[in-house]
PDB file of N, CA and C in Angstrom:
ATOM      1  N   MET A   1     -27.245  24.321  -5.983  1.00  0.00           N
ATOM      2  CA  MET A   1     -27.126  22.925  -5.608  1.00  0.00           C
ATOM      3  C   MET A   1     -25.702  22.683  -5.093  1.00  0.00           C
ATOM      4  N   LYS A   2     -25.615  22.123  -3.898  1.00  0.00           N
ATOM      5  CA  LYS A   2     -24.321  21.844  -3.288  1.00  0.00           C
ATOM      6  C   LYS A   2     -24.069  20.348  -3.308  1.00  0.00           C
ATOM      7  N   ILE A   3     -22.894  19.964  -3.777  1.00  0.00           N
ATOM      8  CA  ILE A   3     -22.507  18.553  -3.805  1.00  0.00           C
ATOM      9  C   ILE A   3     -21.611  18.297  -2.613  1.00  0.00           C
ATOM     10  N   ASN A   4     -21.987  17.346  -1.795  1.00  0.00           N
ATOM     11  CA  ASN A   4     -21.223  17.016  -0.601  1.00  0.00           C
ATOM     12  C   ASN A   4     -20.435  15.738  -0.873  1.00  0.00           C
ATOM     13  N   ILE A   5     -19.133  15.879  -1.059  1.00  0.00           N
ATOM     14  CA  ILE A   5     -18.270  14.733  -1.325  1.00  0.00           C
ATOM     15  C   ILE A   5     -17.346  14.557  -0.134  1.00  0.00           C
ATOM     16  N   LYS A   6     -17.366  13.358   0.439  1.00  0.00           N
ATOM     17  CA  LYS A   6     -16.478  13.053   1.557  1.00  0.00           C
ATOM     18  C   LYS A   6     -15.415  12.073   1.071  1.00  0.00           C
ATOM     19  N   CYS A   7     -14.166  12.440   1.254  1.00  0.00           N
ATOM     20  CA  CYS A   7     -13.092  11.531   0.902  1.00  0.00           C
ATOM     21  C   CYS A   7     -11.907  11.797   1.827  1.00  0.00           C
ATOM     22  N   THR A   8     -11.066  10.802   1.910  1.00  0.00           N
ATOM     23  CA  THR A   8      -9.907  10.895   2.790  1.00  0.00           C
ATOM     24  C   THR A   8      -8.750  11.577   2.082  1.00  0.00           C
ATOM     25  N   LYS A   9      -7.743  11.938   2.863  1.00  0.00           N
ATOM     26  CA  LYS A   9      -6.528  12.524   2.289  1.00  0.00           C
ATOM     27  C   LYS A   9      -5.882  11.547   1.321  1.00  0.00           C
ATOM     28  N   ALA A  10      -5.892  10.265   1.686  1.00  0.00           N
ATOM     29  CA  ALA A  10      -5.284   9.245   0.834  1.00  0.00           C
ATOM     30  C   ALA A  10      -5.975   9.189  -0.525  1.00  0.00           C
ATOM     31  N   THR A  11      -7.296   9.334  -0.542  1.00  0.00           N
ATOM     32  CA  THR A  11      -8.035   9.326  -1.804  1.00  0.00           C
ATOM     33  C   THR A  11      -7.642  10.516  -2.663  1.00  0.00           C
ATOM     34  N   VAL A  12      -7.526  11.675  -2.046  1.00  0.00           N
ATOM     35  CA  VAL A  12      -7.135  12.882  -2.784  1.00  0.00           C
ATOM     36  C   VAL A  12      -5.725  12.721  -3.348  1.00  0.00           C
ATOM     37  N   ILE A  13      -4.808  12.193  -2.552  1.00  0.00           N
ATOM     38  CA  ILE A  13      -3.422  12.009  -2.998  1.00  0.00           C
ATOM     39  C   ILE A  13      -3.359  11.008  -4.145  1.00  0.00           C
ATOM     40  N   ARG A  14      -4.059   9.869  -4.005  1.00  0.00           N
ATOM     41  CA  ARG A  14      -4.063   8.869  -5.084  1.00  0.00           C
ATOM     42  C   ARG A  14      -4.643   9.442  -6.367  1.00  0.00           C
ATOM     43  N   THR A  15      -5.716  10.205  -6.250  1.00  0.00           N
ATOM     44  CA  THR A  15      -6.351  10.802  -7.423  1.00  0.00           C
ATOM     45  C   THR A  15      -5.424  11.821  -8.077  1.00  0.00           C
ATOM     46  N   ALA A  16      -4.761  12.646  -7.284  1.00  0.00           N
ATOM     47  CA  ALA A  16      -3.831  13.634  -7.825  1.00  0.00           C
ATOM     48  C   ALA A  16      -2.662  12.941  -8.531  1.00  0.00           C
ATOM     49  N   LEU A  17      -2.132  11.884  -7.943  1.00  0.00           N
ATOM     50  CA  LEU A  17      -1.033  11.155  -8.578  1.00  0.00           C
ATOM     51  C   LEU A  17      -1.476  10.500  -9.874  1.00  0.00           C
ATOM     52  N   LEU A  18      -2.699   9.979  -9.892  1.00  0.00           N
ATOM     53  CA  LEU A  18      -3.228   9.378 -11.114  1.00  0.00           C
ATOM     54  C   LEU A  18      -3.349  10.430 -12.219  1.00  0.00           C
ATOM     55  N   ILE A  19      -3.881  11.591 -11.884  1.00  0.00           N
ATOM     56  CA  ILE A  19      -4.011  12.666 -12.870  1.00  0.00           C
ATOM     57  C   ILE A  19      -2.632  13.083 -13.386  1.00  0.00           C
ATOM     58  N   PHE A  20      -1.665  13.221 -12.473  1.00  0.00           N
ATOM     59  CA  PHE A  20      -0.300  13.565 -12.873  1.00  0.00           C
ATOM     60  C   PHE A  20       0.271  12.509 -13.813  1.00  0.00           C
ATOM     61  N   ALA A  21       0.068  11.228 -13.490  1.00  0.00           N
ATOM     62  CA  ALA A  21       0.588  10.143 -14.329  1.00  0.00           C
ATOM     63  C   ALA A  21      -0.059  10.158 -15.713  1.00  0.00           C
ATOM     64  N   LEU A  22      -1.361  10.410 -15.771  1.00  0.00           N
ATOM     65  CA  LEU A  22      -2.052  10.453 -17.061  1.00  0.00           C
ATOM     66  C   LEU A  22      -1.567  11.628 -17.913  1.00  0.00           C
ATOM     67  N   ILE A  23      -1.424  12.789 -17.292  1.00  0.00           N
ATOM     68  CA  ILE A  23      -0.913  13.953 -18.021  1.00  0.00           C
ATOM     69  C   ILE A  23       0.508  13.685 -18.506  1.00  0.00           C
ATOM     70  N   ASN A  24       1.344  13.107 -17.641  1.00  0.00           N
ATOM     71  CA  ASN A  24       2.717  12.789 -18.020  1.00  0.00           C
ATOM     72  C   ASN A  24       2.736  11.822 -19.203  1.00  0.00           C
ATOM     73  N   ASN A  25       1.897  10.789 -19.176  1.00  0.00           N
ATOM     74  CA  ASN A  25       1.862   9.830 -20.289  1.00  0.00           C
ATOM     75  C   ASN A  25       1.457  10.509 -21.593  1.00  0.00           C
ATOM     76  N   CYS A  26       0.467  11.380 -21.531  1.00  0.00           N
ATOM     77  CA  CYS A  26       0.044  12.097 -22.738  1.00  0.00           C
ATOM     78  C   CYS A  26       1.179  12.959 -23.277  1.00  0.00           C
ATOM     79  N   LEU A  27       1.878  13.667 -22.397  1.00  0.00           N
ATOM     80  CA  LEU A  27       2.984  14.508 -22.832  1.00  0.00           C
ATOM     81  C   LEU A  27       4.120  13.678 -23.435  1.00  0.00           C
ATOM     82  N   VAL A  28       4.423  12.519 -22.834  1.00  0.00           N
ATOM     83  CA  VAL A  28       5.473  11.649 -23.370  1.00  0.00           C
ATOM     84  C   VAL A  28       5.078  11.135 -24.752  1.00  0.00           C
ATOM     85  N   LEU A  29       3.796  10.819 -24.933  1.00  0.00           N
ATOM     86  CA  LEU A  29       3.336  10.364 -26.248  1.00  0.00           C
ATOM     87  C   LEU A  29       3.588  11.413 -27.327  1.00  0.00           C
ATOM     88  N   PHE A  30       3.501  12.684 -26.956  1.00  0.00           N
ATOM     89  CA  PHE A  30       3.721  13.762 -27.913  1.00  0.00           C
ATOM     90  C   PHE A  30       5.164  14.273 -27.911  1.00  0.00           C
ATOM     91  N   GLY A  31       6.057  13.551 -27.230  1.00  0.00           N
ATOM     92  CA  GLY A  31       7.474  13.875 -27.293  1.00  0.00           C
ATOM     93  C   GLY A  31       7.982  14.846 -26.248  1.00  0.00           C
ATOM     94  N   TYR A  32       7.178  15.162 -25.251  1.00  0.00           N
ATOM     95  CA  TYR A  32       7.614  16.060 -24.185  1.00  0.00           C
ATOM     96  C   TYR A  32       7.880  15.246 -22.923  1.00  0.00           C
ATOM     97  N   ASN A  33       9.071  15.405 -22.372  1.00  0.00           N
ATOM     98  CA  ASN A  33       9.404  14.700 -21.141  1.00  0.00           C
ATOM     99  C   ASN A  33       9.527  15.738 -20.032  1.00  0.00           C
ATOM    100  N   ILE A  34       8.523  15.797 -19.141  1.00  0.00           N
ATOM    101  CA  ILE A  34       8.528  16.827 -18.096  1.00  0.00           C
ATOM    102  C   ILE A  34       9.293  16.391 -16.860  1.00  0.00           C
ATOM    103  N   MET A  35       9.578  15.092 -16.761  1.00  0.00           N
ATOM    104  CA  MET A  35      10.334  14.609 -15.598  1.00  0.00           C
ATOM    105  C   MET A  35      11.802  14.460 -16.015  1.00  0.00           C
ATOM    106  N   PRO A  36      12.692  15.173 -15.339  1.00  0.00           N
ATOM    107  CA  PRO A  36      14.096  15.174 -15.757  1.00  0.00           C
ATOM    108  C   PRO A  36      14.884  13.967 -15.255  1.00  0.00           C
ATOM    109  N   PHE A  37      14.360  12.778 -15.498  1.00  0.00           N
ATOM    110  CA  PHE A  37      15.030  11.558 -15.053  1.00  0.00           C
ATOM    111  C   PHE A  37      15.285  10.682 -16.270  1.00  0.00           C
ATOM    112  N   ASP A  38      16.425   9.994 -16.267  1.00  0.00           N
ATOM    113  CA  ASP A  38      16.643   9.032 -17.343  1.00  0.00           C
ATOM    114  C   ASP A  38      16.198   7.644 -16.875  1.00  0.00           C
ATOM    115  N   ASP A  39      16.207   6.692 -17.783  1.00  0.00           N
ATOM    116  CA  ASP A  39      15.704   5.353 -17.478  1.00  0.00           C
ATOM    117  C   ASP A  39      16.473   4.673 -16.348  1.00  0.00           C
ATOM    118  N   GLU A  40      17.772   4.888 -16.292  1.00  0.00           N
ATOM    119  CA  GLU A  40      18.587   4.248 -15.250  1.00  0.00           C
ATOM    120  C   GLU A  40      18.223   4.773 -13.865  1.00  0.00           C
ATOM    121  N   GLU A  41      18.002   6.069 -13.745  1.00  0.00           N
ATOM    122  CA  GLU A  41      17.621   6.654 -12.455  1.00  0.00           C
ATOM    123  C   GLU A  41      16.248   6.142 -12.013  1.00  0.00           C
ATOM    124  N   ILE A  42      15.325   6.030 -12.944  1.00  0.00           N
ATOM    125  CA  ILE A  42      13.991   5.522 -12.612  1.00  0.00           C
ATOM    126  C   ILE A  42      14.082   4.075 -12.150  1.00  0.00           C
ATOM    127  N   THR A  43      14.902   3.279 -12.838  1.00  0.00           N
ATOM    128  CA  THR A  43      15.088   1.875 -12.446  1.00  0.00           C
ATOM    129  C   THR A  43      15.654   1.777 -11.037  1.00  0.00           C
ATOM    130  N   GLN A  44      16.620   2.621 -10.704  1.00  0.00           N
ATOM    131  CA  GLN A  44      17.208   2.598  -9.369  1.00  0.00           C
ATOM    132  C   GLN A  44      16.183   2.978  -8.301  1.00  0.00           C
ATOM    133  N   VAL A  45      15.378   3.977  -8.578  1.00  0.00           N
ATOM    134  CA  VAL A  45      14.369   4.411  -7.608  1.00  0.00           C
ATOM    135  C   VAL A  45      13.312   3.327  -7.416  1.00  0.00           C
ATOM    136  N   VAL A  46      12.841   2.738  -8.516  1.00  0.00           N
ATOM    137  CA  VAL A  46      11.836   1.677  -8.417  1.00  0.00           C
ATOM    138  C   VAL A  46      12.403   0.487  -7.658  1.00  0.00           C
ATOM    139  N   SER A  47      13.630   0.125  -7.946  1.00  0.00           N
ATOM    140  CA  SER A  47      14.268  -0.994  -7.250  1.00  0.00           C
ATOM    141  C   SER A  47      14.411  -0.713  -5.759  1.00  0.00           C
ATOM    142  N   ALA A  48      14.840   0.498  -5.410  1.00  0.00           N
ATOM    143  CA  ALA A  48      14.986   0.858  -3.996  1.00  0.00           C
ATOM    144  C   ALA A  48      13.622   0.878  -3.300  1.00  0.00           C
ATOM    145  N   ALA A  49      12.611   1.400  -3.968  1.00  0.00           N
ATOM    146  CA  ALA A  49      11.266   1.441  -3.378  1.00  0.00           C
ATOM    147  C   ALA A  49      10.734   0.021  -3.171  1.00  0.00           C
ATOM    148  N   PHE A  50      10.925  -0.848  -4.160  1.00  0.00           N
ATOM    149  CA  PHE A  50      10.483  -2.233  -4.040  1.00  0.00           C
ATOM    150  C   PHE A  50      11.175  -2.923  -2.865  1.00  0.00           C
ATOM    151  N   THR A  51      12.480  -2.732  -2.750  1.00  0.00           N
ATOM    152  CA  THR A  51      13.232  -3.331  -1.641  1.00  0.00           C
ATOM    153  C   THR A  51      12.754  -2.780  -0.303  1.00  0.00           C
ATOM    154  N   GLY A  52      12.535  -1.476  -0.237  1.00  0.00           N
ATOM    155  CA  GLY A  52      12.058  -0.865   1.006  1.00  0.00           C
ATOM    156  C   GLY A  52      10.692  -1.377   1.420  1.00  0.00           C
ATOM    157  N   VAL A  53       9.761  -1.434   0.469  1.00  0.00           N
ATOM    158  CA  VAL A  53       8.400  -1.887   0.785  1.00  0.00           C
ATOM    159  C   VAL A  53       8.400  -3.347   1.212  1.00  0.00           C
ATOM    160  N   THR A  54       9.100  -4.200   0.472  1.00  0.00           N
ATOM    161  CA  THR A  54       9.119  -5.611   0.847  1.00  0.00           C
ATOM    162  C   THR A  54       9.831  -5.828   2.175  1.00  0.00           C
ATOM    163  N   SER A  55      10.857  -5.037   2.458  1.00  0.00           N
ATOM    164  CA  SER A  55      11.540  -5.144   3.754  1.00  0.00           C
ATOM    165  C   SER A  55      10.608  -4.762   4.895  1.00  0.00           C
ATOM    166  N   LEU A  56       9.875  -3.681   4.729  1.00  0.00           N
ATOM    167  CA  LEU A  56       8.925  -3.268   5.767  1.00  0.00           C
ATOM    168  C   LEU A  56       7.827  -4.297   5.966  1.00  0.00           C
ATOM    169  N   MET A  57       7.327  -4.848   4.863  1.00  0.00           N
ATOM    170  CA  MET A  57       6.283  -5.870   4.982  1.00  0.00           C
ATOM    171  C   MET A  57       6.792  -7.107   5.718  1.00  0.00           C
ATOM    172  N   ALA A  58       7.998  -7.543   5.374  1.00  0.00           N
ATOM    173  CA  ALA A  58       8.568  -8.719   6.022  1.00  0.00           C
ATOM    174  C   ALA A  58       8.843  -8.447   7.499  1.00  0.00           C
ATOM    175  N   TRP A  59       9.248  -7.244   7.827  1.00  0.00           N
ATOM    176  CA  TRP A  59       9.533  -6.886   9.218  1.00  0.00           C
ATOM    177  C   TRP A  59       8.240  -6.756  10.014  1.00  0.00           C
ATOM    178  N   TRP A  60       7.206  -6.160   9.429  1.00  0.00           N
ATOM    179  CA  TRP A  60       5.975  -5.870  10.149  1.00  0.00           C
ATOM    180  C   TRP A  60       5.149  -7.132  10.393  1.00  0.00           C
ATOM    181  N   LYS A  61       5.046  -7.985   9.402  1.00  0.00           N
ATOM    182  CA  LYS A  61       4.204  -9.169   9.504  1.00  0.00           C
ATOM    183  C   LYS A  61       4.839 -10.209  10.418  1.00  0.00           C
ATOM    184  N   ASN A  62       3.965 -11.015  11.007  1.00  0.00           N
ATOM    185  CA  ASN A  62       4.413 -12.104  11.862  1.00  0.00           C
ATOM    186  C   ASN A  62       4.824 -13.266  10.960  1.00  0.00           C
ATOM    187  N   ASN A  63       6.085 -13.595  10.947  1.00  0.00           N
ATOM    188  CA  ASN A  63       6.592 -14.678  10.109  1.00  0.00           C
ATOM    189  C   ASN A  63       6.859 -15.897  10.979  1.00  0.00           C
ATOM    190  N   SER A  64       5.902 -16.786  11.012  1.00  0.00           N
ATOM    191  CA  SER A  64       6.013 -17.993  11.839  1.00  0.00           C
ATOM    192  C   SER A  64       6.629 -19.116  11.018  1.00  0.00           C
ATOM    193  N   PHE A  65       7.748 -19.662  11.514  1.00  0.00           N
ATOM    194  CA  PHE A  65       8.420 -20.734  10.807  1.00  0.00           C
ATOM    195  C   PHE A  65       8.280 -22.080  11.512  1.00  0.00           C
ATOM    196  N   SER A  66       8.244 -22.086  12.825  1.00  0.00           N
ATOM    197  CA  SER A  66       8.200 -23.358  13.546  1.00  0.00           C
ATOM    198  C   SER A  66       6.759 -23.793  13.788  1.00  0.00           C
ATOM    199  N   GLU A  67       6.596 -25.068  14.110  1.00  0.00           N
ATOM    200  CA  GLU A  67       5.258 -25.600  14.406  1.00  0.00           C
ATOM    201  C   GLU A  67       4.684 -24.943  15.656  1.00  0.00           C
ATOM    202  N   GLU A  68       5.532 -24.670  16.644  1.00  0.00           N
ATOM    203  CA  GLU A  68       5.069 -23.995  17.855  1.00  0.00           C
ATOM    204  C   GLU A  68       4.532 -22.604  17.539  1.00  0.00           C
ATOM    205  N   ALA A  69       5.202 -21.925  16.651  1.00  0.00           N
ATOM    206  CA  ALA A  69       4.746 -20.584  16.259  1.00  0.00           C
ATOM    207  C   ALA A  69       3.409 -20.657  15.534  1.00  0.00           C
ATOM    208  N   HIS A  70       3.226 -21.666  14.698  1.00  0.00           N
ATOM    209  CA  HIS A  70       1.945 -21.839  14.003  1.00  0.00           C
ATOM    210  C   HIS A  70       0.821 -22.142  15.004  1.00  0.00           C
ATOM    211  N   LYS A  71       1.120 -22.955  16.014  1.00  0.00           N
ATOM    212  CA  LYS A  71       0.124 -23.232  17.053  1.00  0.00           C
ATOM    213  C   LYS A  71      -0.236 -21.958  17.812  1.00  0.00           C
ATOM    214  N   ALA A  72       0.768 -21.169  18.121  1.00  0.00           N
ATOM    215  CA  ALA A  72       0.521 -19.910  18.822  1.00  0.00           C
ATOM    216  C   ALA A  72      -0.324 -18.964  17.964  1.00  0.00           C
ATOM    217  N   ASP A  73      -0.077 -18.946  16.668  1.00  0.00           N
ATOM    218  CA  ASP A  73      -0.878 -18.112  15.762  1.00  0.00           C
ATOM    219  C   ASP A  73      -2.339 -18.569  15.749  1.00  0.00           C
ATOM    220  N   ARG A  74      -2.549 -19.897  15.708  1.00  0.00           N
ATOM    221  CA  ARG A  74      -3.925 -20.420  15.724  1.00  0.00           C
ATOM    222  C   ARG A  74      -4.617 -20.071  17.036  1.00  0.00           C
ATOM    223  N   HIS A  75      -3.875 -20.184  18.146  1.00  0.00           N
ATOM    224  CA  HIS A  75      -4.444 -19.855  19.456  1.00  0.00           C
ATOM    225  C   HIS A  75      -4.810 -18.373  19.521  1.00  0.00           C
ATOM    226  N   LEU A  76      -3.942 -17.524  19.030  1.00  0.00           N
ATOM    227  CA  LEU A  76      -4.211 -16.083  19.020  1.00  0.00           C
ATOM    228  C   LEU A  76      -5.449 -15.777  18.177  1.00  0.00           C
ATOM    229  N   LYS A  77      -5.564 -16.426  17.028  1.00  0.00           N
ATOM    230  CA  LYS A  77      -6.724 -16.219  16.167  1.00  0.00           C
ATOM    231  C   LYS A  77      -8.007 -16.656  16.871  1.00  0.00           C
ATOM    232  N   GLU A  78      -7.945 -17.783  17.559  1.00  0.00           N
ATOM    233  CA  GLU A  78      -9.120 -18.258  18.310  1.00  0.00           C
ATOM    234  C   GLU A  78      -9.500 -17.265  19.410  1.00  0.00           C
ATOM    235  N   MET A  79      -8.506 -16.747  20.120  1.00  0.00           N
ATOM    236  CA  MET A  79      -8.783 -15.788  21.192  1.00  0.00           C
ATOM    237  C   MET A  79      -9.400 -14.497  20.633  1.00  0.00           C
ATOM    238  N   LYS A  80      -8.905 -14.045  19.501  1.00  0.00           N
ATOM    239  CA  LYS A  80      -9.471 -12.848  18.878  1.00  0.00           C
ATOM    240  C   LYS A  80     -10.908 -13.093  18.438  1.00  0.00           C
ATOM    241  N   ASN A  81     -11.173 -14.295  17.902  1.00  0.00           N
ATOM    242  CA  ASN A  81     -12.536 -14.623  17.490  1.00  0.00           C
ATOM    243  C   ASN A  81     -13.477 -14.681  18.690  1.00  0.00           C
ATOM    244  N   LEU A  82     -13.004 -15.249  19.802  1.00  0.00           N
ATOM    245  CA  LEU A  82     -13.830 -15.293  21.018  1.00  0.00           C
ATOM    246  C   LEU A  82     -14.154 -13.880  21.493  1.00  0.00           C
ATOM    247  N   LYS A  83     -13.161 -13.025  21.519  1.00  0.00           N
ATOM    248  CA  LYS A  83     -13.359 -11.644  21.949  1.00  0.00           C
ATOM    249  C   LYS A  83     -14.335 -10.930  21.014  1.00  0.00           C
ATOM    250  N   LYS A  84     -14.186 -11.150  19.727  1.00  0.00           N
ATOM    251  CA  LYS A  84     -15.073 -10.530  18.745  1.00  0.00           C
ATOM    252  C   LYS A  84     -16.508 -11.013  18.939  1.00  0.00           C
ATOM    253  N   ASN A  85     -16.672 -12.298  19.151  1.00  0.00           N
ATOM    254  CA  ASN A  85     -18.018 -12.853  19.351  1.00  0.00           C
ATOM    255  C   ASN A  85     -18.661 -12.318  20.622  1.00  0.00           C
ATOM    256  N   LYS A  86     -17.878 -12.141  21.686  1.00  0.00           N
ATOM    257  CA  LYS A  86     -18.410 -11.608  22.941  1.00  0.00           C
ATOM    258  C   LYS A  86     -18.881 -10.178  22.754  1.00  0.00           C
ATOM    259  N   THR A  87     -18.129  -9.366  22.023  1.00  0.00           N
ATOM    260  CA  THR A  87     -18.527  -7.979  21.818  1.00  0.00           C
ATOM    261  C   THR A  87     -19.727  -7.866  20.889  1.00  0.00           C
ATOM    262  N   GLU A  88     -19.888  -8.822  19.971  1.00  0.00           N
ATOM    263  CA  GLU A  88     -21.052  -8.802  19.074  1.00  0.00           C
ATOM    264  C   GLU A  88     -22.327  -9.203  19.823  1.00  0.00           C
ATOM    265  N   GLU A  89     -22.192 -10.041  20.849  1.00  0.00           N
ATOM    266  CA  GLU A  89     -23.355 -10.496  21.605  1.00  0.00           C
ATOM    267  C   GLU A  89     -23.929  -9.383  22.472  1.00  0.00           C
ATOM    268  N   LYS A  90     -23.121  -8.415  22.843  1.00  0.00           N
ATOM    269  CA  LYS A  90     -23.574  -7.340  23.741  1.00  0.00           C
ATOM    270  C   LYS A  90     -24.468  -6.385  23.067  1.00  0.00           C
TER     271      LYS A  90
END
């Protein structure tokens, strides 16, 4: 019997990281620390990662502040909906 499982690279990576995290937690519970980092280093890395992710999100997303920008966003959304509806009708 052959099992055919289809998954993406991202799924495999997330699953592997989850397994690693679970094994690490079990080892820490029993007094073994396999990651050679202290709490301060982990805090710095988490803080830098948080800053990096939020910076990328703020840069990538369209941040409309003025009323004209909000109108343009609504117009763009309407145009995308029209295009979507035309392609669905075909």
